[in-house]
Amino acid sequence: MLHRSVRAAVFLPVFLLSCVGPPAPDHELCRDVITRLCAPPACPTAQTRLSLPEMNCAAELEARTGCNSAEFVFTTPTRERVLDCRLPLVRESDNRASKPSCDYVDETLRNCPDLITFLGGTP
């Protein structure tokens, strides 16, 4: 029994500290949003409002925004605004490979016309 307690006492602090670290750079945050919006099959609202290309969606949006460069920094919208807009996209998973539901994509697009403009779409 003592062995299990010791293991838990060591594991818990290590686990909690594994979530601590510097924030992702702006270009990675931007790419994360784009990856989630472009996850196939693209949601109809995103296809329409963002004029998503059928091929190379992520590459196209990264080129439109400039976040394909490691030097990319948010200006308009701000990083904080993009983080707020991203919340519905990560509501069920923080795994970039997980496709958000179209309801969550629609919520993001409805509440963030400045993000749509930034991505080169029509608000």
N, C-alpha and C. Protein backbone atom coordinates (compact mmCIF):
# COMPACT_ATOMS: atom_id res chain seq x y z
N MET A 1 0.83 -1.19 0.00
CA MET A 1 0.00 0.00 0.00
C MET A 1 0.86 1.24 0.00
N LEU A 2 1.92 1.25 0.78
CA LEU A 2 2.81 2.40 0.84
C LEU A 2 3.45 2.65 -0.53
N HIS A 3 3.77 1.59 -1.22
CA HIS A 3 4.39 1.71 -2.54
C HIS A 3 3.50 2.50 -3.50
N ARG A 4 2.21 2.22 -3.51
CA ARG A 4 1.26 2.92 -4.38
C ARG A 4 1.19 4.41 -4.01
N SER A 5 1.21 4.73 -2.73
CA SER A 5 1.16 6.12 -2.27
C SER A 5 2.39 6.89 -2.71
N VAL A 6 3.53 6.26 -2.61
CA VAL A 6 4.78 6.92 -3.02
C VAL A 6 4.75 7.18 -4.52
N ARG A 7 4.30 6.19 -5.28
CA ARG A 7 4.20 6.36 -6.73
C ARG A 7 3.26 7.51 -7.08
N ALA A 8 2.14 7.59 -6.42
CA ALA A 8 1.18 8.67 -6.67
C ALA A 8 1.77 10.01 -6.28
N ALA A 9 2.50 10.05 -5.18
CA ALA A 9 3.10 11.30 -4.73
C ALA A 9 4.15 11.81 -5.71
N VAL A 10 4.82 10.91 -6.39
CA VAL A 10 5.84 11.30 -7.37
C VAL A 10 5.17 11.63 -8.71
N PHE A 11 4.19 10.82 -9.12
CA PHE A 11 3.57 10.98 -10.42
C PHE A 11 2.75 12.26 -10.53
N LEU A 12 1.97 12.59 -9.52
CA LEU A 12 1.07 13.75 -9.59
C LEU A 12 1.81 15.05 -9.86
N PRO A 13 2.86 15.40 -9.14
CA PRO A 13 3.57 16.65 -9.44
C PRO A 13 4.19 16.64 -10.84
N VAL A 14 4.72 15.50 -11.25
CA VAL A 14 5.31 15.41 -12.59
C VAL A 14 4.23 15.62 -13.65
N PHE A 15 3.06 15.00 -13.45
CA PHE A 15 1.96 15.16 -14.38
C PHE A 15 1.51 16.61 -14.46
N LEU A 16 1.35 17.25 -13.32
CA LEU A 16 0.90 18.64 -13.30
C LEU A 16 1.92 19.56 -13.96
N LEU A 17 3.17 19.33 -13.76
CA LEU A 17 4.21 20.16 -14.36
C LEU A 17 4.34 19.93 -15.85
N SER A 18 3.89 18.79 -16.35
CA SER A 18 4.01 18.52 -17.78
C SER A 18 3.11 19.44 -18.60
N CYS A 19 2.13 20.06 -17.97
CA CYS A 19 1.22 20.98 -18.66
C CYS A 19 1.73 22.42 -18.62
N VAL A 20 2.83 22.65 -17.95
CA VAL A 20 3.36 23.98 -17.80
C VAL A 20 4.46 24.18 -18.83
N GLY A 21 4.50 25.34 -19.39
CA GLY A 21 5.54 25.65 -20.36
C GLY A 21 5.21 26.94 -21.05
N PRO A 22 6.08 27.36 -21.93
CA PRO A 22 5.83 28.61 -22.62
C PRO A 22 4.66 28.47 -23.60
N PRO A 23 3.97 29.55 -23.87
CA PRO A 23 2.88 29.49 -24.84
C PRO A 23 3.43 29.19 -26.23
N ALA A 24 2.61 28.57 -27.04
CA ALA A 24 3.01 28.27 -28.41
C ALA A 24 3.25 29.58 -29.16
N PRO A 25 4.20 29.60 -30.07
CA PRO A 25 4.42 30.81 -30.87
C PRO A 25 3.18 31.11 -31.72
N ASP A 26 3.03 32.36 -32.13
CA ASP A 26 1.86 32.77 -32.90
C ASP A 26 1.68 31.95 -34.17
N HIS A 27 2.78 31.64 -34.87
CA HIS A 27 2.62 30.88 -36.12
C HIS A 27 2.06 29.48 -35.84
N GLU A 28 2.40 28.88 -34.70
CA GLU A 28 1.85 27.56 -34.36
C GLU A 28 0.38 27.66 -33.97
N LEU A 29 0.01 28.69 -33.25
CA LEU A 29 -1.39 28.91 -32.89
C LEU A 29 -2.22 29.10 -34.16
N CYS A 30 -1.72 29.91 -35.06
CA CYS A 30 -2.41 30.16 -36.33
C CYS A 30 -2.57 28.85 -37.11
N ARG A 31 -1.51 28.08 -37.21
CA ARG A 31 -1.57 26.80 -37.93
C ARG A 31 -2.55 25.83 -37.28
N ASP A 32 -2.63 25.87 -35.95
CA ASP A 32 -3.56 24.99 -35.25
C ASP A 32 -5.00 25.33 -35.62
N VAL A 33 -5.34 26.61 -35.63
CA VAL A 33 -6.70 27.03 -36.01
C VAL A 33 -6.99 26.60 -37.44
N ILE A 34 -6.05 26.84 -38.33
CA ILE A 34 -6.23 26.48 -39.74
C ILE A 34 -6.39 24.98 -39.91
N THR A 35 -5.57 24.21 -39.23
CA THR A 35 -5.65 22.75 -39.33
C THR A 35 -7.02 22.26 -38.90
N ARG A 36 -7.55 22.83 -37.85
CA ARG A 36 -8.86 22.41 -37.37
C ARG A 36 -9.97 22.83 -38.34
N LEU A 37 -9.86 24.02 -38.91
CA LEU A 37 -10.88 24.47 -39.86
C LEU A 37 -10.83 23.69 -41.18
N CYS A 38 -9.65 23.22 -41.55
CA CYS A 38 -9.47 22.50 -42.82
C CYS A 38 -9.61 21.00 -42.69
N ALA A 39 -9.79 20.48 -41.47
CA ALA A 39 -9.88 19.03 -41.29
C ALA A 39 -10.98 18.46 -42.18
N PRO A 40 -10.63 17.47 -42.99
CA PRO A 40 -11.63 16.91 -43.92
C PRO A 40 -12.64 16.02 -43.20
N PRO A 41 -13.83 15.97 -43.69
CA PRO A 41 -14.36 16.84 -44.73
C PRO A 41 -14.68 18.21 -44.13
N ALA A 42 -14.33 19.25 -44.85
CA ALA A 42 -14.55 20.61 -44.37
C ALA A 42 -16.04 20.87 -44.18
N CYS A 43 -16.36 21.61 -43.16
CA CYS A 43 -17.75 21.95 -42.87
C CYS A 43 -18.28 22.91 -43.94
N PRO A 44 -19.53 22.75 -44.35
CA PRO A 44 -20.08 23.59 -45.42
C PRO A 44 -19.97 25.09 -45.15
N THR A 45 -20.23 25.52 -43.92
CA THR A 45 -20.14 26.95 -43.60
C THR A 45 -18.71 27.44 -43.77
N ALA A 46 -17.74 26.66 -43.33
CA ALA A 46 -16.34 27.05 -43.49
C ALA A 46 -15.96 27.10 -44.96
N GLN A 47 -16.40 26.13 -45.74
CA GLN A 47 -16.10 26.13 -47.17
C GLN A 47 -16.61 27.41 -47.83
N THR A 48 -17.81 27.79 -47.48
CA THR A 48 -18.42 28.98 -48.09
C THR A 48 -17.80 30.27 -47.57
N ARG A 49 -17.76 30.44 -46.27
CA ARG A 49 -17.31 31.71 -45.69
C ARG A 49 -15.83 31.95 -45.86
N LEU A 50 -15.03 30.87 -45.92
CA LEU A 50 -13.58 31.03 -46.03
C LEU A 50 -13.07 30.76 -47.44
N SER A 51 -13.98 30.47 -48.37
CA SER A 51 -13.60 30.14 -49.75
C SER A 51 -12.47 29.10 -49.74
N LEU A 52 -12.72 28.00 -49.03
CA LEU A 52 -11.70 26.98 -48.87
C LEU A 52 -11.46 26.23 -50.18
N PRO A 53 -10.20 26.11 -50.56
CA PRO A 53 -9.89 25.29 -51.73
C PRO A 53 -10.05 23.81 -51.37
N GLU A 54 -10.41 23.00 -52.36
CA GLU A 54 -10.58 21.58 -52.10
C GLU A 54 -9.24 20.90 -51.85
N MET A 55 -8.21 21.35 -52.52
CA MET A 55 -6.88 20.77 -52.36
C MET A 55 -6.01 21.74 -51.58
N ASN A 56 -5.18 21.21 -50.70
CA ASN A 56 -4.21 22.01 -49.96
C ASN A 56 -4.83 23.17 -49.19
N CYS A 57 -5.92 22.91 -48.52
CA CYS A 57 -6.62 23.93 -47.75
C CYS A 57 -5.69 24.62 -46.76
N ALA A 58 -5.00 23.83 -45.95
CA ALA A 58 -4.14 24.41 -44.91
C ALA A 58 -3.03 25.24 -45.52
N ALA A 59 -2.40 24.73 -46.56
CA ALA A 59 -1.31 25.47 -47.21
C ALA A 59 -1.81 26.79 -47.78
N GLU A 60 -2.99 26.78 -48.35
CA GLU A 60 -3.58 28.00 -48.91
C GLU A 60 -3.86 29.03 -47.82
N LEU A 61 -4.49 28.62 -46.73
CA LEU A 61 -4.80 29.56 -45.66
C LEU A 61 -3.53 30.05 -44.96
N GLU A 62 -2.55 29.19 -44.81
CA GLU A 62 -1.28 29.62 -44.21
C GLU A 62 -0.61 30.67 -45.09
N ALA A 63 -0.68 30.49 -46.39
CA ALA A 63 -0.10 31.49 -47.31
C ALA A 63 -0.90 32.79 -47.26
N ARG A 64 -2.23 32.70 -47.22
CA ARG A 64 -3.06 33.91 -47.14
C ARG A 64 -2.74 34.75 -45.91
N THR A 65 -2.51 34.08 -44.79
CA THR A 65 -2.33 34.77 -43.51
C THR A 65 -0.89 35.13 -43.21
N GLY A 66 0.03 34.40 -43.81
CA GLY A 66 1.45 34.60 -43.51
C GLY A 66 1.94 33.75 -42.36
N CYS A 67 1.08 32.92 -41.79
CA CYS A 67 1.51 32.13 -40.64
C CYS A 67 2.31 30.90 -41.05
N ASN A 68 2.65 30.82 -42.32
CA ASN A 68 3.56 29.77 -42.77
C ASN A 68 5.02 30.15 -42.49
N SER A 69 5.21 31.30 -41.87
CA SER A 69 6.54 31.79 -41.51
C SER A 69 6.70 31.76 -39.99
N ALA A 70 7.86 31.31 -39.53
CA ALA A 70 8.13 31.25 -38.10
C ALA A 70 8.16 32.65 -37.47
N GLU A 71 8.31 33.69 -38.28
CA GLU A 71 8.35 35.07 -37.77
C GLU A 71 6.96 35.68 -37.64
N PHE A 72 5.91 34.95 -38.03
CA PHE A 72 4.56 35.47 -37.99
C PHE A 72 4.18 35.89 -36.57
N VAL A 73 3.52 37.06 -36.46
CA VAL A 73 3.02 37.56 -35.19
C VAL A 73 1.62 38.15 -35.45
N PHE A 74 0.67 37.82 -34.58
CA PHE A 74 -0.68 38.36 -34.72
C PHE A 74 -0.67 39.86 -34.47
N THR A 75 -1.46 40.58 -35.28
CA THR A 75 -1.72 41.99 -35.04
C THR A 75 -3.23 42.17 -34.97
N THR A 76 -3.91 41.98 -36.09
CA THR A 76 -5.36 42.05 -36.14
C THR A 76 -5.87 40.80 -36.83
N PRO A 77 -6.55 39.95 -36.15
CA PRO A 77 -6.92 39.99 -34.75
C PRO A 77 -5.71 39.74 -33.85
N THR A 78 -5.87 40.08 -32.60
CA THR A 78 -4.79 39.87 -31.64
C THR A 78 -4.69 38.39 -31.27
N ARG A 79 -3.59 38.03 -30.68
CA ARG A 79 -3.40 36.65 -30.20
C ARG A 79 -4.51 36.26 -29.22
N GLU A 80 -4.85 37.17 -28.32
CA GLU A 80 -5.89 36.88 -27.32
C GLU A 80 -7.23 36.63 -28.00
N ARG A 81 -7.52 37.42 -29.03
CA ARG A 81 -8.78 37.24 -29.75
C ARG A 81 -8.81 35.89 -30.45
N VAL A 82 -7.70 35.50 -31.07
CA VAL A 82 -7.63 34.21 -31.75
C VAL A 82 -7.79 33.07 -30.74
N LEU A 83 -7.18 33.21 -29.59
CA LEU A 83 -7.35 32.19 -28.54
C LEU A 83 -8.82 32.07 -28.13
N ASP A 84 -9.51 33.21 -27.99
CA ASP A 84 -10.94 33.18 -27.66
C ASP A 84 -11.74 32.52 -28.78
N CYS A 85 -11.43 32.87 -30.02
CA CYS A 85 -12.15 32.30 -31.16
C CYS A 85 -11.89 30.80 -31.31
N ARG A 86 -10.74 30.36 -30.88
CA ARG A 86 -10.33 28.96 -31.01
C ARG A 86 -11.04 28.06 -30.00
N LEU A 87 -11.55 28.61 -28.93
CA LEU A 87 -12.15 27.79 -27.86
C LEU A 87 -13.16 26.76 -28.36
N PRO A 88 -14.13 27.12 -29.19
CA PRO A 88 -15.07 26.08 -29.65
C PRO A 88 -14.37 24.97 -30.45
N LEU A 89 -13.31 25.32 -31.16
CA LEU A 89 -12.62 24.33 -31.99
C LEU A 89 -11.88 23.28 -31.17
N VAL A 90 -11.55 23.62 -29.93
CA VAL A 90 -10.82 22.68 -29.07
C VAL A 90 -11.69 22.18 -27.91
N ARG A 91 -12.96 22.46 -27.98
CA ARG A 91 -13.87 22.14 -26.87
C ARG A 91 -13.84 20.66 -26.52
N GLU A 92 -13.78 19.80 -27.49
CA GLU A 92 -13.82 18.36 -27.21
C GLU A 92 -12.46 17.69 -27.29
N SER A 93 -11.45 18.38 -27.82
CA SER A 93 -10.15 17.75 -27.94
C SER A 93 -9.07 18.79 -28.15
N ASP A 94 -7.94 18.60 -27.47
CA ASP A 94 -6.80 19.47 -27.71
C ASP A 94 -5.85 18.85 -28.73
N ASN A 95 -6.24 17.70 -29.28
CA ASN A 95 -5.45 17.03 -30.30
C ASN A 95 -5.70 17.69 -31.65
N ARG A 96 -4.65 18.25 -32.24
CA ARG A 96 -4.79 18.98 -33.50
C ARG A 96 -5.40 18.11 -34.60
N ALA A 97 -5.19 16.81 -34.55
CA ALA A 97 -5.70 15.92 -35.59
C ALA A 97 -7.20 15.66 -35.46
N SER A 98 -7.79 16.04 -34.34
CA SER A 98 -9.22 15.82 -34.14
C SER A 98 -10.02 16.91 -34.85
N LYS A 99 -10.96 16.46 -35.65
CA LYS A 99 -11.82 17.41 -36.37
C LYS A 99 -12.92 17.90 -35.43
N PRO A 100 -13.06 19.23 -35.29
CA PRO A 100 -14.16 19.74 -34.47
C PRO A 100 -15.49 19.51 -35.17
N SER A 101 -16.55 19.45 -34.41
CA SER A 101 -17.87 19.30 -35.02
C SER A 101 -18.19 20.55 -35.84
N CYS A 102 -19.03 20.38 -36.84
CA CYS A 102 -19.42 21.53 -37.66
C CYS A 102 -20.18 22.57 -36.84
N ASP A 103 -20.87 22.14 -35.78
CA ASP A 103 -21.54 23.10 -34.90
C ASP A 103 -20.52 24.02 -34.24
N TYR A 104 -19.38 23.47 -33.83
CA TYR A 104 -18.33 24.27 -33.20
C TYR A 104 -17.63 25.17 -34.21
N VAL A 105 -17.44 24.67 -35.42
CA VAL A 105 -16.86 25.51 -36.49
C VAL A 105 -17.81 26.66 -36.78
N ASP A 106 -19.10 26.36 -36.90
CA ASP A 106 -20.10 27.40 -37.16
C ASP A 106 -20.11 28.44 -36.04
N GLU A 107 -20.00 27.99 -34.79
CA GLU A 107 -19.96 28.91 -33.65
C GLU A 107 -18.76 29.85 -33.76
N THR A 108 -17.61 29.29 -34.08
CA THR A 108 -16.40 30.10 -34.25
C THR A 108 -16.60 31.14 -35.34
N LEU A 109 -17.11 30.72 -36.48
CA LEU A 109 -17.27 31.65 -37.60
C LEU A 109 -18.35 32.70 -37.32
N ARG A 110 -19.39 32.30 -36.62
CA ARG A 110 -20.47 33.24 -36.28
C ARG A 110 -19.98 34.31 -35.30
N ASN A 111 -19.17 33.91 -34.34
CA ASN A 111 -18.73 34.82 -33.28
C ASN A 111 -17.44 35.58 -33.60
N CYS A 112 -16.79 35.24 -34.69
CA CYS A 112 -15.47 35.82 -34.97
C CYS A 112 -15.33 36.30 -36.41
N PRO A 113 -16.10 37.32 -36.79
CA PRO A 113 -15.97 37.82 -38.16
C PRO A 113 -14.57 38.37 -38.45
N ASP A 114 -13.88 38.86 -37.42
CA ASP A 114 -12.52 39.34 -37.63
C ASP A 114 -11.55 38.21 -37.97
N LEU A 115 -11.81 37.03 -37.44
CA LEU A 115 -11.00 35.85 -37.79
C LEU A 115 -11.26 35.46 -39.23
N ILE A 116 -12.51 35.51 -39.66
CA ILE A 116 -12.85 35.19 -41.05
C ILE A 116 -12.10 36.15 -41.99
N THR A 117 -12.14 37.43 -41.69
CA THR A 117 -11.43 38.42 -42.51
C THR A 117 -9.94 38.12 -42.54
N PHE A 118 -9.36 37.82 -41.38
CA PHE A 118 -7.94 37.49 -41.29
C PHE A 118 -7.60 36.29 -42.18
N LEU A 119 -8.48 35.31 -42.22
CA LEU A 119 -8.24 34.10 -43.01
C LEU A 119 -8.56 34.30 -44.50
N GLY A 120 -8.98 35.49 -44.86
CA GLY A 120 -9.23 35.80 -46.26
C GLY A 120 -10.61 35.42 -46.75
N GLY A 121 -11.55 35.30 -45.81
CA GLY A 121 -12.90 34.93 -46.17
C GLY A 121 -13.84 36.13 -46.17
N THR A 122 -15.11 35.81 -46.24
CA THR A 122 -16.15 36.83 -46.27
C THR A 122 -16.98 36.73 -45.00
N PRO A 123 -16.89 37.76 -44.14
CA PRO A 123 -17.66 37.72 -42.88
C PRO A 123 -19.15 37.80 -43.09
